[in-house]
Amino acid sequence: GRLQPFGALTHKNFEFFEESSWQYDLGINYLLNGHHAKI
């Protein structure tokens, strides 16, 4: 298998709220057979 760590960052600036916000996601793909089988 293969390992693929990843991260994502989001910035939202909605008119509805008085201030914007940041958020994040962190993770790892364990690819047993590419995208055909992964965890």
PDB file of all heavy atoms in Angstrom:
ATOM      1  N   GLY A   1       0.815  -1.199   0.000  1.00  0.00           N
ATOM      2  CA  GLY A   1       0.000   0.000   0.000  1.00  0.00           C
ATOM      3  C   GLY A   1       0.851   1.252   0.000  1.00  0.00           C
ATOM      4  O   GLY A   1       2.083   1.229   0.057  1.00  0.00           O
ATOM      5  N   ARG A   2       0.165   2.396  -0.056  1.00  0.00           N
ATOM      6  CA  ARG A   2       0.805   3.707  -0.103  1.00  0.00           C
ATOM      7  C   ARG A   2       0.172   4.624   0.946  1.00  0.00           C
ATOM      8  O   ARG A   2      -0.991   4.449   1.340  1.00  0.00           O
ATOM      9  CB  ARG A   2       0.607   4.365  -1.488  1.00  0.00           C
ATOM     10  CG  ARG A   2       1.030   3.505  -2.667  1.00  0.00           C
ATOM     11  CD  ARG A   2       2.532   3.362  -2.749  1.00  0.00           C
ATOM     12  NE  ARG A   2       3.212   4.637  -2.843  1.00  0.00           N
ATOM     13  CZ  ARG A   2       3.378   5.321  -3.989  1.00  0.00           C
ATOM     14  NH1 ARG A   2       2.884   4.834  -5.124  1.00  0.00           N
ATOM     15  NH2 ARG A   2       4.029   6.465  -4.010  1.00  0.00           N
ATOM     16  N   LEU A   3       0.938   5.619   1.376  1.00  0.00           N
ATOM     17  CA  LEU A   3       0.446   6.621   2.316  1.00  0.00           C
ATOM     18  C   LEU A   3       0.458   7.989   1.662  1.00  0.00           C
ATOM     19  O   LEU A   3       1.396   8.343   0.943  1.00  0.00           O
ATOM     20  CB  LEU A   3       1.300   6.644   3.586  1.00  0.00           C
ATOM     21  CG  LEU A   3       1.262   5.406   4.469  1.00  0.00           C
ATOM     22  CD1 LEU A   3       2.203   5.578   5.659  1.00  0.00           C
ATOM     23  CD2 LEU A   3      -0.155   5.111   4.952  1.00  0.00           C
ATOM     24  N   GLN A   4      -0.587   8.755   1.930  1.00  0.00           N
ATOM     25  CA  GLN A   4      -0.720  10.101   1.365  1.00  0.00           C
ATOM     26  C   GLN A   4      -1.297  11.036   2.428  1.00  0.00           C
ATOM     27  O   GLN A   4      -2.512  11.174   2.549  1.00  0.00           O
ATOM     28  CB  GLN A   4      -1.624  10.083   0.128  1.00  0.00           C
ATOM     29  CG  GLN A   4      -1.737  11.419  -0.593  1.00  0.00           C
ATOM     30  CD  GLN A   4      -2.753  11.392  -1.723  1.00  0.00           C
ATOM     31  OE1 GLN A   4      -3.822  10.779  -1.598  1.00  0.00           O
ATOM     32  NE2 GLN A   4      -2.416  12.023  -2.828  1.00  0.00           N
ATOM     33  N   PRO A   5      -0.446  11.694   3.207  1.00  0.00           N
ATOM     34  CA  PRO A   5      -0.963  12.698   4.144  1.00  0.00           C
ATOM     35  C   PRO A   5      -1.457  13.929   3.391  1.00  0.00           C
ATOM     36  O   PRO A   5      -0.955  14.252   2.305  1.00  0.00           O
ATOM     37  CB  PRO A   5       0.255  13.021   5.013  1.00  0.00           C
ATOM     38  CG  PRO A   5       1.431  12.676   4.172  1.00  0.00           C
ATOM     39  CD  PRO A   5       1.015  11.535   3.296  1.00  0.00           C
ATOM     40  N   PHE A   6      -2.435  14.615   3.971  1.00  0.00           N
ATOM     41  CA  PHE A   6      -3.002  15.803   3.323  1.00  0.00           C
ATOM     42  C   PHE A   6      -3.494  16.785   4.369  1.00  0.00           C
ATOM     43  O   PHE A   6      -3.695  16.444   5.544  1.00  0.00           O
ATOM     44  CB  PHE A   6      -4.155  15.408   2.391  1.00  0.00           C
ATOM     45  CG  PHE A   6      -5.312  14.741   3.085  1.00  0.00           C
ATOM     46  CD1 PHE A   6      -6.298  15.488   3.723  1.00  0.00           C
ATOM     47  CD2 PHE A   6      -5.418  13.363   3.120  1.00  0.00           C
ATOM     48  CE1 PHE A   6      -7.354  14.882   4.374  1.00  0.00           C
ATOM     49  CE2 PHE A   6      -6.466  12.727   3.772  1.00  0.00           C
ATOM     50  CZ  PHE A   6      -7.440  13.507   4.402  1.00  0.00           C
ATOM     51  N   GLY A   7      -3.694  17.997   3.924  1.00  0.00           N
ATOM     52  CA  GLY A   7      -4.265  19.031   4.773  1.00  0.00           C
ATOM     53  C   GLY A   7      -5.081  19.998   3.941  1.00  0.00           C
ATOM     54  O   GLY A   7      -4.843  20.152   2.732  1.00  0.00           O
ATOM     55  N   ALA A   8      -6.062  20.630   4.560  1.00  0.00           N
ATOM     56  CA  ALA A   8      -6.906  21.600   3.872  1.00  0.00           C
ATOM     57  C   ALA A   8      -7.162  22.791   4.789  1.00  0.00           C
ATOM     58  O   ALA A   8      -7.280  22.632   6.016  1.00  0.00           O
ATOM     59  CB  ALA A   8      -8.238  20.977   3.448  1.00  0.00           C
ATOM     60  N   LEU A   9      -7.245  23.958   4.199  1.00  0.00           N
ATOM     61  CA  LEU A   9      -7.465  25.200   4.934  1.00  0.00           C
ATOM     62  C   LEU A   9      -8.591  25.977   4.273  1.00  0.00           C
ATOM     63  O   LEU A   9      -8.634  26.091   3.043  1.00  0.00           O
ATOM     64  CB  LEU A   9      -6.181  26.037   4.940  1.00  0.00           C
ATOM     65  CG  LEU A   9      -6.132  27.263   5.858  1.00  0.00           C
ATOM     66  CD1 LEU A   9      -6.198  26.835   7.327  1.00  0.00           C
ATOM     67  CD2 LEU A   9      -4.858  28.059   5.601  1.00  0.00           C
ATOM     68  N   THR A  10      -9.516  26.483   5.083  1.00  0.00           N
ATOM     69  CA  THR A  10     -10.678  27.212   4.564  1.00  0.00           C
ATOM     70  C   THR A  10     -10.819  28.557   5.263  1.00  0.00           C
ATOM     71  O   THR A  10     -10.705  28.637   6.493  1.00  0.00           O
ATOM     72  CB  THR A  10     -11.976  26.412   4.791  1.00  0.00           C
ATOM     73  OG1 THR A  10     -11.856  25.125   4.199  1.00  0.00           O
ATOM     74  CG2 THR A  10     -13.172  27.137   4.194  1.00  0.00           C
ATOM     75  N   HIS A  11     -11.074  29.588   4.465  1.00  0.00           N
ATOM     76  CA  HIS A  11     -11.398  30.909   5.019  1.00  0.00           C
ATOM     77  C   HIS A  11     -12.758  31.328   4.476  1.00  0.00           C
ATOM     78  O   HIS A  11     -12.975  31.367   3.265  1.00  0.00           O
ATOM     79  CB  HIS A  11     -10.345  31.951   4.638  1.00  0.00           C
ATOM     80  CG  HIS A  11     -10.631  33.307   5.209  1.00  0.00           C
ATOM     81  ND1 HIS A  11     -11.197  34.329   4.466  1.00  0.00           N
ATOM     82  CD2 HIS A  11     -10.439  33.817   6.459  1.00  0.00           C
ATOM     83  CE1 HIS A  11     -11.330  35.404   5.225  1.00  0.00           C
ATOM     84  NE2 HIS A  11     -10.882  35.111   6.435  1.00  0.00           N
ATOM     85  N   LYS A  12     -13.690  31.632   5.388  1.00  0.00           N
ATOM     86  CA  LYS A  12     -15.039  32.048   5.010  1.00  0.00           C
ATOM     87  C   LYS A  12     -15.285  33.475   5.489  1.00  0.00           C
ATOM     88  O   LYS A  12     -14.990  33.800   6.650  1.00  0.00           O
ATOM     89  CB  LYS A  12     -16.090  31.125   5.635  1.00  0.00           C
ATOM     90  CG  LYS A  12     -16.006  29.686   5.202  1.00  0.00           C
ATOM     91  CD  LYS A  12     -17.006  28.832   5.976  1.00  0.00           C
ATOM     92  CE  LYS A  12     -16.904  27.364   5.618  1.00  0.00           C
ATOM     93  NZ  LYS A  12     -17.785  26.521   6.469  1.00  0.00           N
ATOM     94  N   ASN A  13     -15.831  34.276   4.624  1.00  0.00           N
ATOM     95  CA  ASN A  13     -16.170  35.651   4.967  1.00  0.00           C
ATOM     96  C   ASN A  13     -17.603  35.912   4.512  1.00  0.00           C
ATOM     97  O   ASN A  13     -17.854  36.462   3.439  1.00  0.00           O
ATOM     98  CB  ASN A  13     -15.204  36.634   4.296  1.00  0.00           C
ATOM     99  CG  ASN A  13     -15.468  38.073   4.701  1.00  0.00           C
ATOM    100  OD1 ASN A  13     -16.021  38.345   5.758  1.00  0.00           O
ATOM    101  ND2 ASN A  13     -15.087  39.007   3.841  1.00  0.00           N
ATOM    102  N   PHE A  14     -18.558  35.471   5.353  1.00  0.00           N
ATOM    103  CA  PHE A  14     -19.971  35.600   5.008  1.00  0.00           C
ATOM    104  C   PHE A  14     -20.522  36.946   5.470  1.00  0.00           C
ATOM    105  O   PHE A  14     -20.227  37.406   6.584  1.00  0.00           O
ATOM    106  CB  PHE A  14     -20.792  34.480   5.660  1.00  0.00           C
ATOM    107  CG  PHE A  14     -20.518  33.118   5.085  1.00  0.00           C
ATOM    108  CD1 PHE A  14     -20.369  32.015   5.915  1.00  0.00           C
ATOM    109  CD2 PHE A  14     -20.427  32.925   3.714  1.00  0.00           C
ATOM    110  CE1 PHE A  14     -20.129  30.757   5.404  1.00  0.00           C
ATOM    111  CE2 PHE A  14     -20.190  31.678   3.181  1.00  0.00           C
ATOM    112  CZ  PHE A  14     -20.034  30.581   4.026  1.00  0.00           C
ATOM    113  N   GLU A  15     -21.352  37.532   4.637  1.00  0.00           N
ATOM    114  CA  GLU A  15     -21.983  38.814   4.950  1.00  0.00           C
ATOM    115  C   GLU A  15     -22.855  38.716   6.202  1.00  0.00           C
ATOM    116  O   GLU A  15     -23.016  39.687   6.941  1.00  0.00           O
ATOM    117  CB  GLU A  15     -22.820  39.257   3.749  1.00  0.00           C
ATOM    118  CG  GLU A  15     -23.456  40.616   3.855  1.00  0.00           C
ATOM    119  CD  GLU A  15     -24.237  40.962   2.597  1.00  0.00           C
ATOM    120  OE1 GLU A  15     -25.426  40.610   2.528  1.00  0.00           O
ATOM    121  OE2 GLU A  15     -23.648  41.583   1.689  1.00  0.00           O
ATOM    122  N   PHE A  16     -23.380  37.542   6.473  1.00  0.00           N
ATOM    123  CA  PHE A  16     -24.295  37.338   7.590  1.00  0.00           C
ATOM    124  C   PHE A  16     -23.624  37.587   8.941  1.00  0.00           C
ATOM    125  O   PHE A  16     -24.271  38.028   9.896  1.00  0.00           O
ATOM    126  CB  PHE A  16     -24.844  35.907   7.533  1.00  0.00           C
ATOM    127  CG  PHE A  16     -25.874  35.581   8.579  1.00  0.00           C
ATOM    128  CD1 PHE A  16     -27.203  35.952   8.409  1.00  0.00           C
ATOM    129  CD2 PHE A  16     -25.511  34.891   9.726  1.00  0.00           C
ATOM    130  CE1 PHE A  16     -28.156  35.640   9.369  1.00  0.00           C
ATOM    131  CE2 PHE A  16     -26.451  34.581  10.695  1.00  0.00           C
ATOM    132  CZ  PHE A  16     -27.774  34.957  10.513  1.00  0.00           C
ATOM    133  N   PHE A  17     -22.311  37.285   9.024  1.00  0.00           N
ATOM    134  CA  PHE A  17     -21.594  37.401  10.289  1.00  0.00           C
ATOM    135  C   PHE A  17     -20.735  38.666  10.331  1.00  0.00           C
ATOM    136  O   PHE A  17     -20.386  39.232   9.293  1.00  0.00           O
ATOM    137  CB  PHE A  17     -20.709  36.169  10.516  1.00  0.00           C
ATOM    138  CG  PHE A  17     -21.489  34.902  10.694  1.00  0.00           C
ATOM    139  CD1 PHE A  17     -21.594  33.987   9.658  1.00  0.00           C
ATOM    140  CD2 PHE A  17     -22.138  34.632  11.886  1.00  0.00           C
ATOM    141  CE1 PHE A  17     -22.320  32.819   9.814  1.00  0.00           C
ATOM    142  CE2 PHE A  17     -22.862  33.464  12.060  1.00  0.00           C
ATOM    143  CZ  PHE A  17     -22.963  32.555  11.016  1.00  0.00           C
ATOM    144  N   GLU A  18     -20.368  39.062  11.541  1.00  0.00           N
ATOM    145  CA  GLU A  18     -19.590  40.286  11.725  1.00  0.00           C
ATOM    146  C   GLU A  18     -18.099  40.065  11.517  1.00  0.00           C
ATOM    147  O   GLU A  18     -17.343  41.029  11.402  1.00  0.00           O
ATOM    148  CB  GLU A  18     -19.830  40.867  13.128  1.00  0.00           C
ATOM    149  CG  GLU A  18     -21.262  41.339  13.355  1.00  0.00           C
ATOM    150  CD  GLU A  18     -21.470  41.896  14.746  1.00  0.00           C
ATOM    151  OE1 GLU A  18     -20.479  41.945  15.521  1.00  0.00           O
ATOM    152  OE2 GLU A  18     -22.612  42.276  15.074  1.00  0.00           O
ATOM    153  N   GLU A  19     -17.663  38.813  11.514  1.00  0.00           N
ATOM    154  CA  GLU A  19     -16.254  38.535  11.291  1.00  0.00           C
ATOM    155  C   GLU A  19     -16.088  37.257  10.491  1.00  0.00           C
ATOM    156  O   GLU A  19     -16.978  36.405  10.460  1.00  0.00           O
ATOM    157  CB  GLU A  19     -15.491  38.434  12.615  1.00  0.00           C
ATOM    158  CG  GLU A  19     -15.938  37.300  13.512  1.00  0.00           C
ATOM    159  CD  GLU A  19     -15.135  37.258  14.810  1.00  0.00           C
ATOM    160  OE1 GLU A  19     -14.540  38.288  15.164  1.00  0.00           O
ATOM    161  OE2 GLU A  19     -15.098  36.189  15.445  1.00  0.00           O
ATOM    162  N   SER A  20     -14.949  37.148   9.835  1.00  0.00           N
ATOM    163  CA  SER A  20     -14.650  35.964   9.039  1.00  0.00           C
ATOM    164  C   SER A  20     -14.076  34.865   9.936  1.00  0.00           C
ATOM    165  O   SER A  20     -13.836  35.080  11.122  1.00  0.00           O
ATOM    166  CB  SER A  20     -13.671  36.313   7.923  1.00  0.00           C
ATOM    167  OG  SER A  20     -12.459  36.819   8.473  1.00  0.00           O
ATOM    168  N   SER A  21     -13.821  33.700   9.355  1.00  0.00           N
ATOM    169  CA  SER A  21     -13.320  32.577  10.151  1.00  0.00           C
ATOM    170  C   SER A  21     -12.411  31.688   9.319  1.00  0.00           C
ATOM    171  O   SER A  21     -12.542  31.593   8.093  1.00  0.00           O
ATOM    172  CB  SER A  21     -14.485  31.747  10.702  1.00  0.00           C
ATOM    173  OG  SER A  21     -15.212  31.156   9.641  1.00  0.00           O
ATOM    174  N   TRP A  22     -11.486  31.030  10.024  1.00  0.00           N
ATOM    175  CA  TRP A  22     -10.614  30.022   9.428  1.00  0.00           C
ATOM    176  C   TRP A  22     -10.957  28.661  10.024  1.00  0.00           C
ATOM    177  O   TRP A  22     -11.392  28.563  11.169  1.00  0.00           O
ATOM    178  CB  TRP A  22      -9.143  30.325   9.722  1.00  0.00           C
ATOM    179  CG  TRP A  22      -8.588  31.521   9.005  1.00  0.00           C
ATOM    180  CD1 TRP A  22      -8.575  32.814   9.454  1.00  0.00           C
ATOM    181  CD2 TRP A  22      -7.966  31.535   7.722  1.00  0.00           C
ATOM    182  NE1 TRP A  22      -7.977  33.633   8.531  1.00  0.00           N
ATOM    183  CE2 TRP A  22      -7.589  32.881   7.460  1.00  0.00           C
ATOM    184  CE3 TRP A  22      -7.680  30.558   6.771  1.00  0.00           C
ATOM    185  CZ2 TRP A  22      -6.946  33.258   6.285  1.00  0.00           C
ATOM    186  CZ3 TRP A  22      -7.043  30.929   5.596  1.00  0.00           C
ATOM    187  CH2 TRP A  22      -6.687  32.259   5.356  1.00  0.00           C
ATOM    188  N   GLN A  23     -10.729  27.616   9.250  1.00  0.00           N
ATOM    189  CA  GLN A  23     -10.859  26.261   9.763  1.00  0.00           C
ATOM    190  C   GLN A  23      -9.940  25.345   8.974  1.00  0.00           C
ATOM    191  O   GLN A  23      -9.464  25.703   7.894  1.00  0.00           O
ATOM    192  CB  GLN A  23     -12.297  25.772   9.689  1.00  0.00           C
ATOM    193  CG  GLN A  23     -12.892  25.687   8.286  1.00  0.00           C
ATOM    194  CD  GLN A  23     -14.384  25.458   8.338  1.00  0.00           C
ATOM    195  OE1 GLN A  23     -15.171  26.407   8.339  1.00  0.00           O
ATOM    196  NE2 GLN A  23     -14.787  24.187   8.366  1.00  0.00           N
ATOM    197  N   TYR A  24      -9.706  24.129   9.519  1.00  0.00           N
ATOM    198  CA  TYR A  24      -8.740  23.253   8.876  1.00  0.00           C
ATOM    199  C   TYR A  24      -9.173  21.800   8.963  1.00  0.00           C
ATOM    200  O   TYR A  24     -10.011  21.418   9.783  1.00  0.00           O
ATOM    201  CB  TYR A  24      -7.354  23.421   9.508  1.00  0.00           C
ATOM    202  CG  TYR A  24      -7.278  22.978  10.952  1.00  0.00           C
ATOM    203  CD1 TYR A  24      -6.963  21.660  11.283  1.00  0.00           C
ATOM    204  CD2 TYR A  24      -7.526  23.872  11.992  1.00  0.00           C
ATOM    205  CE1 TYR A  24      -6.902  21.245  12.601  1.00  0.00           C
ATOM    206  CE2 TYR A  24      -7.461  23.461  13.320  1.00  0.00           C
ATOM    207  CZ  TYR A  24      -7.156  22.150  13.619  1.00  0.00           C
ATOM    208  OH  TYR A  24      -7.100  21.740  14.926  1.00  0.00           O
ATOM    209  N   ASP A  25      -8.567  20.993   8.088  1.00  0.00           N
ATOM    210  CA  ASP A  25      -8.740  19.541   8.090  1.00  0.00           C
ATOM    211  C   ASP A  25      -7.362  18.917   7.885  1.00  0.00           C
ATOM    212  O   ASP A  25      -6.574  19.389   7.057  1.00  0.00           O
ATOM    213  CB  ASP A  25      -9.668  19.080   6.960  1.00  0.00           C
ATOM    214  CG  ASP A  25     -11.038  19.726   7.030  1.00  0.00           C
ATOM    215  OD1 ASP A  25     -11.839  19.292   7.868  1.00  0.00           O
ATOM    216  OD2 ASP A  25     -11.294  20.665   6.261  1.00  0.00           O
ATOM    217  N   LEU A  26      -7.079  17.850   8.616  1.00  0.00           N
ATOM    218  CA  LEU A  26      -5.825  17.120   8.492  1.00  0.00           C
ATOM    219  C   LEU A  26      -6.130  15.639   8.415  1.00  0.00           C
ATOM    220  O   LEU A  26      -7.019  15.141   9.118  1.00  0.00           O
ATOM    221  CB  LEU A  26      -4.908  17.394   9.689  1.00  0.00           C
ATOM    222  CG  LEU A  26      -4.412  18.825   9.878  1.00  0.00           C
ATOM    223  CD1 LEU A  26      -3.684  18.963  11.211  1.00  0.00           C
ATOM    224  CD2 LEU A  26      -3.506  19.251   8.725  1.00  0.00           C
ATOM    225  N   GLY A  27      -5.390  14.923   7.571  1.00  0.00           N
ATOM    226  CA  GLY A  27      -5.670  13.501   7.470  1.00  0.00           C
ATOM    227  C   GLY A  27      -4.624  12.748   6.689  1.00  0.00           C
ATOM    228  O   GLY A  27      -3.597  13.294   6.272  1.00  0.00           O
ATOM    229  N   ILE A  28      -4.899  11.470   6.485  1.00  0.00           N
ATOM    230  CA  ILE A  28      -3.993  10.607   5.740  1.00  0.00           C
ATOM    231  C   ILE A  28      -4.795   9.542   5.006  1.00  0.00           C
ATOM    232  O   ILE A  28      -5.781   9.013   5.532  1.00  0.00           O
ATOM    233  CB  ILE A  28      -2.953   9.956   6.678  1.00  0.00           C
ATOM    234  CG1 ILE A  28      -1.881   9.207   5.874  1.00  0.00           C
ATOM    235  CG2 ILE A  28      -3.617   9.047   7.707  1.00  0.00           C
ATOM    236  CD1 ILE A  28      -0.690   8.797   6.700  1.00  0.00           C
ATOM    237  N   ASN A  29      -4.407   9.273   3.767  1.00  0.00           N
ATOM    238  CA  ASN A  29      -4.974   8.190   2.979  1.00  0.00           C
ATOM    239  C   ASN A  29      -4.041   6.986   3.022  1.00  0.00           C
ATOM    240  O   ASN A  29      -2.826   7.129   2.821  1.00  0.00           O
ATOM    241  CB  ASN A  29      -5.149   8.610   1.512  1.00  0.00           C
ATOM    242  CG  ASN A  29      -6.224   9.649   1.319  1.00  0.00           C
ATOM    243  OD1 ASN A  29      -7.299   9.548   1.891  1.00  0.00           O
ATOM    244  ND2 ASN A  29      -5.946  10.660   0.512  1.00  0.00           N
ATOM    245  N   TYR A  30      -4.589   5.825   3.326  1.00  0.00           N
ATOM    246  CA  TYR A  30      -3.853   4.575   3.210  1.00  0.00           C
ATOM    247  C   TYR A  30      -4.406   3.879   1.970  1.00  0.00           C
ATOM    248  O   TYR A  30      -5.521   3.355   1.974  1.00  0.00           O
ATOM    249  CB  TYR A  30      -4.045   3.722   4.465  1.00  0.00           C
ATOM    250  CG  TYR A  30      -3.418   2.354   4.387  1.00  0.00           C
ATOM    251  CD1 TYR A  30      -2.218   2.141   3.725  1.00  0.00           C
ATOM    252  CD2 TYR A  30      -4.039   1.262   4.992  1.00  0.00           C
ATOM    253  CE1 TYR A  30      -1.651   0.886   3.659  1.00  0.00           C
ATOM    254  CE2 TYR A  30      -3.473  -0.002   4.938  1.00  0.00           C
ATOM    255  CZ  TYR A  30      -2.279  -0.181   4.264  1.00  0.00           C
ATOM    256  OH  TYR A  30      -1.712  -1.433   4.196  1.00  0.00           O
ATOM    257  N   LEU A  31      -3.635   3.901   0.894  1.00  0.00           N
ATOM    258  CA  LEU A  31      -4.079   3.425  -0.410  1.00  0.00           C
ATOM    259  C   LEU A  31      -3.637   1.976  -0.602  1.00  0.00           C
ATOM    260  O   LEU A  31      -2.472   1.707  -0.923  1.00  0.00           O
ATOM    261  CB  LEU A  31      -3.511   4.318  -1.512  1.00  0.00           C
ATOM    262  CG  LEU A  31      -3.865   5.814  -1.367  1.00  0.00           C
ATOM    263  CD1 LEU A  31      -2.715   6.689  -1.799  1.00  0.00           C
ATOM    264  CD2 LEU A  31      -5.116   6.148  -2.160  1.00  0.00           C
ATOM    265  N   LEU A  32      -4.542   1.038  -0.402  1.00  0.00           N
ATOM    266  CA  LEU A  32      -4.208  -0.364  -0.600  1.00  0.00           C
ATOM    267  C   LEU A  32      -4.040  -0.680  -2.078  1.00  0.00           C
ATOM    268  O   LEU A  32      -3.183  -1.474  -2.461  1.00  0.00           O
ATOM    269  CB  LEU A  32      -5.295  -1.264  -0.004  1.00  0.00           C
ATOM    270  CG  LEU A  32      -5.354  -1.354   1.518  1.00  0.00           C
ATOM    271  CD1 LEU A  32      -6.144  -0.194   2.095  1.00  0.00           C
ATOM    272  CD2 LEU A  32      -5.988  -2.674   1.936  1.00  0.00           C
ATOM    273  N   ASN A  33      -4.892  -0.062  -2.907  1.00  0.00           N
ATOM    274  CA  ASN A  33      -4.819  -0.258  -4.358  1.00  0.00           C
ATOM    275  C   ASN A  33      -5.276   1.023  -5.037  1.00  0.00           C
ATOM    276  O   ASN A  33      -6.325   1.070  -5.673  1.00  0.00           O
ATOM    277  CB  ASN A  33      -5.687  -1.435  -4.788  1.00  0.00           C
ATOM    278  CG  ASN A  33      -5.572  -1.717  -6.277  1.00  0.00           C
ATOM    279  OD1 ASN A  33      -4.546  -1.449  -6.892  1.00  0.00           O
ATOM    280  ND2 ASN A  33      -6.631  -2.265  -6.863  1.00  0.00           N
ATOM    281  N   GLY A  34      -4.501   2.086  -4.859  1.00  0.00           N
ATOM    282  CA  GLY A  34      -4.884   3.382  -5.399  1.00  0.00           C
ATOM    283  C   GLY A  34      -6.233   3.814  -4.849  1.00  0.00           C
ATOM    284  O   GLY A  34      -6.553   3.598  -3.681  1.00  0.00           O
ATOM    285  N   HIS A  35      -7.043   4.414  -5.710  1.00  0.00           N
ATOM    286  CA  HIS A  35      -8.379   4.830  -5.292  1.00  0.00           C
ATOM    287  C   HIS A  35      -9.380   3.676  -5.315  1.00  0.00           C
ATOM    288  O   HIS A  35     -10.516   3.842  -4.871  1.00  0.00           O
ATOM    289  CB  HIS A  35      -8.888   5.951  -6.201  1.00  0.00           C
ATOM    290  CG  HIS A  35      -8.177   7.254  -6.015  1.00  0.00           C
ATOM    291  ND1 HIS A  35      -8.181   7.936  -4.822  1.00  0.00           N
ATOM    292  CD2 HIS A  35      -7.437   7.992  -6.873  1.00  0.00           C
ATOM    293  CE1 HIS A  35      -7.482   9.053  -4.949  1.00  0.00           C
ATOM    294  NE2 HIS A  35      -7.019   9.101  -6.177  1.00  0.00           N
ATOM    295  N   HIS A  36      -8.963   2.524  -5.835  1.00  0.00           N
ATOM    296  CA  HIS A  36      -9.893   1.393  -5.873  1.00  0.00           C
ATOM    297  C   HIS A  36     -10.153   0.837  -4.481  1.00  0.00           C
ATOM    298  O   HIS A  36     -11.236   0.302  -4.223  1.00  0.00           O
ATOM    299  CB  HIS A  36      -9.352   0.295  -6.790  1.00  0.00           C
ATOM    300  CG  HIS A  36      -9.416   0.644  -8.241  1.00  0.00           C
ATOM    301  ND1 HIS A  36     -10.586   0.657  -8.959  1.00  0.00           N
ATOM    302  CD2 HIS A  36      -8.442   1.026  -9.103  1.00  0.00           C
ATOM    303  CE1 HIS A  36     -10.346   1.017 -10.209  1.00  0.00           C
ATOM    304  NE2 HIS A  36      -9.049   1.244 -10.323  1.00  0.00           N
ATOM    305  N   ALA A  37      -9.172   0.949  -3.602  1.00  0.00           N
ATOM    306  CA  ALA A  37      -9.361   0.480  -2.224  1.00  0.00           C
ATOM    307  C   ALA A  37      -8.481   1.331  -1.320  1.00  0.00           C
ATOM    308  O   ALA A  37      -7.248   1.269  -1.408  1.00  0.00           O
ATOM    309  CB  ALA A  37      -8.992  -0.989  -2.100  1.00  0.00           C
ATOM    310  N   LYS A  38      -9.111   2.144  -0.483  1.00  0.00           N
ATOM    311  CA  LYS A  38      -8.327   3.004   0.401  1.00  0.00           C
ATOM    312  C   LYS A  38      -9.068   3.228   1.710  1.00  0.00           C
ATOM    313  O   LYS A  38     -10.289   3.070   1.796  1.00  0.00           O
ATOM    314  CB  LYS A  38      -8.012   4.346  -0.262  1.00  0.00           C
ATOM    315  CG  LYS A  38      -9.209   5.259  -0.496  1.00  0.00           C
ATOM    316  CD  LYS A  38      -8.774   6.567  -1.160  1.00  0.00           C
ATOM    317  CE  LYS A  38      -9.961   7.491  -1.389  1.00  0.00           C
ATOM    318  NZ  LYS A  38      -9.568   8.747  -2.056  1.00  0.00           N
ATOM    319  N   ILE A  39      -8.287   3.578   2.733  1.00  0.00           N
ATOM    320  CA  ILE A  39      -8.813   3.916   4.047  1.00  0.00           C
ATOM    321  C   ILE A  39      -8.309   5.311   4.386  1.00  0.00           C
ATOM    322  O   ILE A  39      -7.127   5.613   4.209  1.00  0.00           O
ATOM    323  CB  ILE A  39      -8.340   2.910   5.109  1.00  0.00           C
ATOM    324  CG1 ILE A  39      -8.801   1.493   4.742  1.00  0.00           C
ATOM    325  CG2 ILE A  39      -8.866   3.287   6.488  1.00  0.00           C
ATOM    326  CD1 ILE A  39      -8.202   0.409   5.607  1.00  0.00           C
TER     327      ILE A  39
END
